[in-house]
Amino acid sequence: GKGGFELGGTSDAYVALLAESAESFDEDKP
């Protein structure tokens, strides 16, 4: 609450992730 965040420790955060790239020879096809 004062600008500090825990160093180390065990994470209890779970994340969903979605990445976007493109086909190797067609940038218009994600």
ModelCIF file with pLDDT and N, C-alpha, C, O atoms, coordinates in Angstrom:
data_MODEL
#
_entry.id   MODEL 
#
_entity.id                         1 
_entity.type                       polymer 
_entity.pdbx_number_of_molecules   1 
#
_entity_poly.entity_id                      1 
_entity_poly.type                           'polypeptide(L)' 
_entity_poly.nstd_linkage                   no 
_entity_poly.nstd_monomer                   no 
_entity_poly.pdbx_seq_one_letter_code       GKGGFELGGTSDAYVALLAESAESFDEDKP 
_entity_poly.pdbx_seq_one_letter_code_can   GKGGFELGGTSDAYVALLAESAESFDEDKP 
_entity_poly.pdbx_strand_id                 A 
#
loop_
_entity_poly_seq.entity_id 
_entity_poly_seq.num 
_entity_poly_seq.mon_id 
_entity_poly_seq.hetero 
1 1  GLY n 
1 2  LYS n 
1 3  GLY n 
1 4  GLY n 
1 5  PHE n 
1 6  GLU n 
1 7  LEU n 
1 8  GLY n 
1 9  GLY n 
1 10 THR n 
1 11 SER n 
1 12 ASP n 
1 13 ALA n 
1 14 TYR n 
1 15 VAL n 
1 16 ALA n 
1 17 LEU n 
1 18 LEU n 
1 19 ALA n 
1 20 GLU n 
1 21 SER n 
1 22 ALA n 
1 23 GLU n 
1 24 SER n 
1 25 PHE n 
1 26 ASP n 
1 27 GLU n 
1 28 ASP n 
1 29 LYS n 
1 30 PRO n 
#
_struct_asym.id          A 
_struct_asym.entity_id   1 
#
loop_
_ma_qa_metric.id 
_ma_qa_metric.mode 
_ma_qa_metric.name 
_ma_qa_metric.software_group_id 
_ma_qa_metric.type 
1 global pLDDT . pLDDT 
2 local  pLDDT . pLDDT 
#
_ma_qa_metric_global.metric_id      1 
_ma_qa_metric_global.metric_value   91.97 
_ma_qa_metric_global.model_id       1 
_ma_qa_metric_global.ordinal_id     1 
#
loop_
_ma_qa_metric_local.label_asym_id 
_ma_qa_metric_local.label_comp_id 
_ma_qa_metric_local.label_seq_id 
_ma_qa_metric_local.metric_id 
_ma_qa_metric_local.metric_value 
_ma_qa_metric_local.model_id 
_ma_qa_metric_local.ordinal_id 
A GLY 1  2 92.00 1 1  
A LYS 2  2 95.00 1 2  
A GLY 3  2 93.00 1 3  
A GLY 4  2 95.00 1 4  
A PHE 5  2 92.00 1 5  
A GLU 6  2 91.00 1 6  
A LEU 7  2 89.00 1 7  
A GLY 8  2 80.00 1 8  
A GLY 9  2 72.00 1 9  
A THR 10 2 77.00 1 10 
A SER 11 2 84.00 1 11 
A ASP 12 2 89.00 1 12 
A ALA 13 2 95.00 1 13 
A TYR 14 2 98.00 1 14 
A VAL 15 2 98.00 1 15 
A ALA 16 2 98.00 1 16 
A LEU 17 2 98.00 1 17 
A LEU 18 2 98.00 1 18 
A ALA 19 2 98.00 1 19 
A GLU 20 2 98.00 1 20 
A SER 21 2 97.00 1 21 
A ALA 22 2 95.00 1 22 
A GLU 23 2 92.00 1 23 
A SER 24 2 92.00 1 24 
A PHE 25 2 91.00 1 25 
A ASP 26 2 90.00 1 26 
A GLU 27 2 90.00 1 27 
A ASP 28 2 92.00 1 28 
A LYS 29 2 94.00 1 29 
A PRO 30 2 96.00 1 30 
#
loop_
_atom_site.group_PDB 
_atom_site.id 
_atom_site.type_symbol 
_atom_site.label_atom_id 
_atom_site.label_alt_id 
_atom_site.label_comp_id 
_atom_site.label_asym_id 
_atom_site.label_entity_id 
_atom_site.label_seq_id 
_atom_site.pdbx_PDB_ins_code 
_atom_site.Cartn_x 
_atom_site.Cartn_y 
_atom_site.Cartn_z 
_atom_site.occupancy 
_atom_site.B_iso_or_equiv 
_atom_site.pdbx_formal_charge 
_atom_site.auth_seq_id 
_atom_site.auth_comp_id 
_atom_site.auth_asym_id 
_atom_site.auth_atom_id 
_atom_site.pdbx_PDB_model_num 
ATOM 1   N N  . GLY A 1 1  ? 0.789  -1.219  0.000   1.00 92.00 ? 1  GLY A N  1 
ATOM 2   C CA . GLY A 1 1  ? 0.000  0.000   0.000   1.00 92.00 ? 1  GLY A CA 1 
ATOM 3   C C  . GLY A 1 1  ? 0.821  1.269   0.000   1.00 92.00 ? 1  GLY A C  1 
ATOM 4   O O  . GLY A 1 1  ? 0.267  2.368   0.031   1.00 92.00 ? 1  GLY A O  1 
ATOM 5   N N  . LYS A 1 2  ? 2.139  1.133   -0.035  1.00 95.00 ? 2  LYS A N  1 
ATOM 6   C CA . LYS A 1 2  ? 3.027  2.301   -0.019  1.00 95.00 ? 2  LYS A CA 1 
ATOM 7   C C  . LYS A 1 2  ? 4.037  2.231   -1.162  1.00 95.00 ? 2  LYS A C  1 
ATOM 8   O O  . LYS A 1 2  ? 5.128  2.792   -1.070  1.00 95.00 ? 2  LYS A O  1 
ATOM 9   N N  . GLY A 1 3  ? 3.669  1.544   -2.229  1.00 93.00 ? 3  GLY A N  1 
ATOM 10  C CA . GLY A 1 3  ? 4.541  1.445   -3.387  1.00 93.00 ? 3  GLY A CA 1 
ATOM 11  C C  . GLY A 1 3  ? 5.459  0.237   -3.385  1.00 93.00 ? 3  GLY A C  1 
ATOM 12  O O  . GLY A 1 3  ? 6.222  0.024   -4.327  1.00 93.00 ? 3  GLY A O  1 
ATOM 13  N N  . GLY A 1 4  ? 5.383  -0.553  -2.322  1.00 95.00 ? 4  GLY A N  1 
ATOM 14  C CA . GLY A 1 4  ? 6.243  -1.729  -2.222  1.00 95.00 ? 4  GLY A CA 1 
ATOM 15  C C  . GLY A 1 4  ? 5.495  -3.000  -2.576  1.00 95.00 ? 4  GLY A C  1 
ATOM 16  O O  . GLY A 1 4  ? 4.298  -3.127  -2.319  1.00 95.00 ? 4  GLY A O  1 
ATOM 17  N N  . PHE A 1 5  ? 6.227  -3.953  -3.177  1.00 92.00 ? 5  PHE A N  1 
ATOM 18  C CA . PHE A 1 5  ? 5.651  -5.249  -3.541  1.00 92.00 ? 5  PHE A CA 1 
ATOM 19  C C  . PHE A 1 5  ? 6.590  -6.356  -3.080  1.00 92.00 ? 5  PHE A C  1 
ATOM 20  O O  . PHE A 1 5  ? 7.812  -6.221  -3.151  1.00 92.00 ? 5  PHE A O  1 
ATOM 21  N N  . GLU A 1 6  ? 6.012  -7.435  -2.615  1.00 91.00 ? 6  GLU A N  1 
ATOM 22  C CA . GLU A 1 6  ? 6.754  -8.559  -2.053  1.00 91.00 ? 6  GLU A CA 1 
ATOM 23  C C  . GLU A 1 6  ? 7.849  -9.061  -2.995  1.00 91.00 ? 6  GLU A C  1 
ATOM 24  O O  . GLU A 1 6  ? 7.629  -9.222  -4.196  1.00 91.00 ? 6  GLU A O  1 
ATOM 25  N N  . LEU A 1 7  ? 9.021  -9.302  -2.432  1.00 89.00 ? 7  LEU A N  1 
ATOM 26  C CA . LEU A 1 7  ? 10.140 -9.878  -3.178  1.00 89.00 ? 7  LEU A CA 1 
ATOM 27  C C  . LEU A 1 7  ? 10.192 -11.369 -2.884  1.00 89.00 ? 7  LEU A C  1 
ATOM 28  O O  . LEU A 1 7  ? 10.344 -11.764 -1.728  1.00 89.00 ? 7  LEU A O  1 
ATOM 29  N N  . GLY A 1 8  ? 10.068 -12.207 -3.913  1.00 80.00 ? 8  GLY A N  1 
ATOM 30  C CA . GLY A 1 8  ? 10.056 -13.646 -3.686  1.00 80.00 ? 8  GLY A CA 1 
ATOM 31  C C  . GLY A 1 8  ? 8.700  -14.097 -3.181  1.00 80.00 ? 8  GLY A C  1 
ATOM 32  O O  . GLY A 1 8  ? 7.690  -13.423 -3.383  1.00 80.00 ? 8  GLY A O  1 
ATOM 33  N N  . GLY A 1 9  ? 8.690  -15.235 -2.528  1.00 72.00 ? 9  GLY A N  1 
ATOM 34  C CA . GLY A 1 9  ? 7.437  -15.770 -2.021  1.00 72.00 ? 9  GLY A CA 1 
ATOM 35  C C  . GLY A 1 9  ? 6.757  -16.676 -3.024  1.00 72.00 ? 9  GLY A C  1 
ATOM 36  O O  . GLY A 1 9  ? 7.257  -16.891 -4.128  1.00 72.00 ? 9  GLY A O  1 
ATOM 37  N N  . THR A 1 10 ? 5.606  -17.206 -2.629  1.00 77.00 ? 10 THR A N  1 
ATOM 38  C CA . THR A 1 10 ? 4.836  -18.122 -3.468  1.00 77.00 ? 10 THR A CA 1 
ATOM 39  C C  . THR A 1 10 ? 3.665  -17.397 -4.098  1.00 77.00 ? 10 THR A C  1 
ATOM 40  O O  . THR A 1 10 ? 2.899  -16.725 -3.407  1.00 77.00 ? 10 THR A O  1 
ATOM 41  N N  . SER A 1 11 ? 3.523  -17.530 -5.407  1.00 84.00 ? 11 SER A N  1 
ATOM 42  C CA . SER A 1 11 ? 2.445  -16.842 -6.114  1.00 84.00 ? 11 SER A CA 1 
ATOM 43  C C  . SER A 1 11 ? 1.116  -17.562 -5.928  1.00 84.00 ? 11 SER A C  1 
ATOM 44  O O  . SER A 1 11 ? 1.038  -18.788 -6.006  1.00 84.00 ? 11 SER A O  1 
ATOM 45  N N  . ASP A 1 12 ? 0.074  -16.773 -5.681  1.00 89.00 ? 12 ASP A N  1 
ATOM 46  C CA . ASP A 1 12 ? -1.275 -17.310 -5.609  1.00 89.00 ? 12 ASP A CA 1 
ATOM 47  C C  . ASP A 1 12 ? -2.129 -16.691 -6.721  1.00 89.00 ? 12 ASP A C  1 
ATOM 48  O O  . ASP A 1 12 ? -3.357 -16.658 -6.643  1.00 89.00 ? 12 ASP A O  1 
ATOM 49  N N  . ALA A 1 13 ? -1.436 -16.200 -7.764  1.00 95.00 ? 13 ALA A N  1 
ATOM 50  C CA . ALA A 1 13 ? -2.128 -15.571 -8.890  1.00 95.00 ? 13 ALA A CA 1 
ATOM 51  C C  . ALA A 1 13 ? -2.203 -16.545 -10.065 1.00 95.00 ? 13 ALA A C  1 
ATOM 52  O O  . ALA A 1 13 ? -1.207 -17.162 -10.442 1.00 95.00 ? 13 ALA A O  1 
ATOM 53  N N  . TYR A 1 14 ? -3.396 -16.671 -10.631 1.00 98.00 ? 14 TYR A N  1 
ATOM 54  C CA . TYR A 1 14 ? -3.604 -17.539 -11.785 1.00 98.00 ? 14 TYR A CA 1 
ATOM 55  C C  . TYR A 1 14 ? -4.003 -16.673 -12.978 1.00 98.00 ? 14 TYR A C  1 
ATOM 56  O O  . TYR A 1 14 ? -4.783 -15.731 -12.843 1.00 98.00 ? 14 TYR A O  1 
ATOM 57  N N  . VAL A 1 15 ? -3.464 -17.001 -14.128 1.00 98.00 ? 15 VAL A N  1 
ATOM 58  C CA . VAL A 1 15 ? -3.577 -16.138 -15.297 1.00 98.00 ? 15 VAL A CA 1 
ATOM 59  C C  . VAL A 1 15 ? -4.072 -16.934 -16.503 1.00 98.00 ? 15 VAL A C  1 
ATOM 60  O O  . VAL A 1 15 ? -3.699 -18.092 -16.689 1.00 98.00 ? 15 VAL A O  1 
ATOM 61  N N  . ALA A 1 16 ? -4.916 -16.301 -17.320 1.00 98.00 ? 16 ALA A N  1 
ATOM 62  C CA . ALA A 1 16 ? -5.266 -16.818 -18.646 1.00 98.00 ? 16 ALA A CA 1 
ATOM 63  C C  . ALA A 1 16 ? -4.553 -15.955 -19.671 1.00 98.00 ? 16 ALA A C  1 
ATOM 64  O O  . ALA A 1 16 ? -4.407 -14.748 -19.479 1.00 98.00 ? 16 ALA A O  1 
ATOM 65  N N  . LEU A 1 17 ? -4.110 -16.571 -20.758 1.00 98.00 ? 17 LEU A N  1 
ATOM 66  C CA . LEU A 1 17 ? -3.233 -15.894 -21.719 1.00 98.00 ? 17 LEU A CA 1 
ATOM 67  C C  . LEU A 1 17 ? -3.668 -16.207 -23.148 1.00 98.00 ? 17 LEU A C  1 
ATOM 68  O O  . LEU A 1 17 ? -3.997 -17.351 -23.465 1.00 98.00 ? 17 LEU A O  1 
ATOM 69  N N  . LEU A 1 18 ? -3.668 -15.185 -24.012 1.00 98.00 ? 18 LEU A N  1 
ATOM 70  C CA . LEU A 1 18 ? -3.983 -15.371 -25.424 1.00 98.00 ? 18 LEU A CA 1 
ATOM 71  C C  . LEU A 1 18 ? -3.025 -14.521 -26.260 1.00 98.00 ? 18 LEU A C  1 
ATOM 72  O O  . LEU A 1 18 ? -3.024 -13.294 -26.156 1.00 98.00 ? 18 LEU A O  1 
ATOM 73  N N  . ALA A 1 19 ? -2.215 -15.174 -27.085 1.00 98.00 ? 19 ALA A N  1 
ATOM 74  C CA . ALA A 1 19 ? -1.214 -14.474 -27.896 1.00 98.00 ? 19 ALA A CA 1 
ATOM 75  C C  . ALA A 1 19 ? -1.612 -14.502 -29.361 1.00 98.00 ? 19 ALA A C  1 
ATOM 76  O O  . ALA A 1 19 ? -2.163 -15.490 -29.848 1.00 98.00 ? 19 ALA A O  1 
ATOM 77  N N  . GLU A 1 20 ? -1.322 -13.388 -30.072 1.00 98.00 ? 20 GLU A N  1 
ATOM 78  C CA . GLU A 1 20 ? -1.635 -13.285 -31.499 1.00 98.00 ? 20 GLU A CA 1 
ATOM 79  C C  . GLU A 1 20 ? -0.366 -13.130 -32.325 1.00 98.00 ? 20 GLU A C  1 
ATOM 80  O O  . GLU A 1 20 ? 0.428  -12.216 -32.099 1.00 98.00 ? 20 GLU A O  1 
ATOM 81  N N  . SER A 1 21 ? -0.186 -14.026 -33.278 1.00 97.00 ? 21 SER A N  1 
ATOM 82  C CA . SER A 1 21 ? 0.886  -13.948 -34.256 1.00 97.00 ? 21 SER A CA 1 
ATOM 83  C C  . SER A 1 21 ? 0.219  -13.954 -35.641 1.00 97.00 ? 21 SER A C  1 
ATOM 84  O O  . SER A 1 21 ? -0.940 -13.561 -35.766 1.00 97.00 ? 21 SER A O  1 
ATOM 85  N N  . ALA A 1 22 ? 0.933  -14.392 -36.664 1.00 95.00 ? 22 ALA A N  1 
ATOM 86  C CA . ALA A 1 22 ? 0.355  -14.481 -38.004 1.00 95.00 ? 22 ALA A CA 1 
ATOM 87  C C  . ALA A 1 22 ? 1.008  -15.634 -38.743 1.00 95.00 ? 22 ALA A C  1 
ATOM 88  O O  . ALA A 1 22 ? 2.087  -16.097 -38.374 1.00 95.00 ? 22 ALA A O  1 
ATOM 89  N N  . GLU A 1 23 ? 0.334  -16.091 -39.798 1.00 92.00 ? 23 GLU A N  1 
ATOM 90  C CA . GLU A 1 23 ? 0.931  -17.140 -40.605 1.00 92.00 ? 23 GLU A CA 1 
ATOM 91  C C  . GLU A 1 23 ? 2.239  -16.640 -41.220 1.00 92.00 ? 23 GLU A C  1 
ATOM 92  O O  . GLU A 1 23 ? 2.377  -15.456 -41.528 1.00 92.00 ? 23 GLU A O  1 
ATOM 93  N N  . SER A 1 24 ? 3.171  -17.531 -41.391 1.00 92.00 ? 24 SER A N  1 
ATOM 94  C CA . SER A 1 24 ? 4.530  -17.173 -41.773 1.00 92.00 ? 24 SER A CA 1 
ATOM 95  C C  . SER A 1 24 ? 4.623  -16.388 -43.085 1.00 92.00 ? 24 SER A C  1 
ATOM 96  O O  . SER A 1 24 ? 5.508  -15.546 -43.239 1.00 92.00 ? 24 SER A O  1 
ATOM 97  N N  . PHE A 1 25 ? 3.715  -16.660 -44.032 1.00 91.00 ? 25 PHE A N  1 
ATOM 98  C CA . PHE A 1 25 ? 3.775  -15.971 -45.312 1.00 91.00 ? 25 PHE A CA 1 
ATOM 99  C C  . PHE A 1 25 ? 2.489  -15.212 -45.631 1.00 91.00 ? 25 PHE A C  1 
ATOM 100 O O  . PHE A 1 25 ? 2.210  -14.907 -46.791 1.00 91.00 ? 25 PHE A O  1 
ATOM 101 N N  . ASP A 1 26 ? 1.711  -14.910 -44.593 1.00 90.00 ? 26 ASP A N  1 
ATOM 102 C CA . ASP A 1 26 ? 0.498  -14.131 -44.798 1.00 90.00 ? 26 ASP A CA 1 
ATOM 103 C C  . ASP A 1 26 ? 0.153  -13.395 -43.508 1.00 90.00 ? 26 ASP A C  1 
ATOM 104 O O  . ASP A 1 26 ? -0.492 -13.942 -42.613 1.00 90.00 ? 26 ASP A O  1 
ATOM 105 N N  . GLU A 1 27 ? 0.593  -12.154 -43.433 1.00 90.00 ? 27 GLU A N  1 
ATOM 106 C CA . GLU A 1 27 ? 0.411  -11.364 -42.218 1.00 90.00 ? 27 GLU A CA 1 
ATOM 107 C C  . GLU A 1 27 ? -1.051 -11.052 -41.933 1.00 90.00 ? 27 GLU A C  1 
ATOM 108 O O  . GLU A 1 27 ? -1.400 -10.675 -40.814 1.00 90.00 ? 27 GLU A O  1 
ATOM 109 N N  . ASP A 1 28 ? -1.909 -11.207 -42.941 1.00 92.00 ? 28 ASP A N  1 
ATOM 110 C CA . ASP A 1 28 ? -3.324 -10.918 -42.767 1.00 92.00 ? 28 ASP A CA 1 
ATOM 111 C C  . ASP A 1 28 ? -4.121 -12.101 -42.225 1.00 92.00 ? 28 ASP A C  1 
ATOM 112 O O  . ASP A 1 28 ? -5.340 -12.018 -42.073 1.00 92.00 ? 28 ASP A O  1 
ATOM 113 N N  . LYS A 1 29 ? -3.431 -13.199 -41.934 1.00 94.00 ? 29 LYS A N  1 
ATOM 114 C CA . LYS A 1 29 ? -4.102 -14.370 -41.362 1.00 94.00 ? 29 LYS A CA 1 
ATOM 115 C C  . LYS A 1 29 ? -3.548 -14.635 -39.962 1.00 94.00 ? 29 LYS A C  1 
ATOM 116 O O  . LYS A 1 29 ? -2.529 -15.309 -39.810 1.00 94.00 ? 29 LYS A O  1 
ATOM 117 N N  . PRO A 1 30 ? -4.221 -14.104 -38.944 1.00 96.00 ? 30 PRO A N  1 
ATOM 118 C CA . PRO A 1 30 ? -3.730 -14.274 -37.575 1.00 96.00 ? 30 PRO A CA 1 
ATOM 119 C C  . PRO A 1 30 ? -3.713 -15.732 -37.121 1.00 96.00 ? 30 PRO A C  1 
ATOM 120 O O  . PRO A 1 30 ? -3.322 -16.021 -35.990 1.00 96.00 ? 30 PRO A O  1 
#
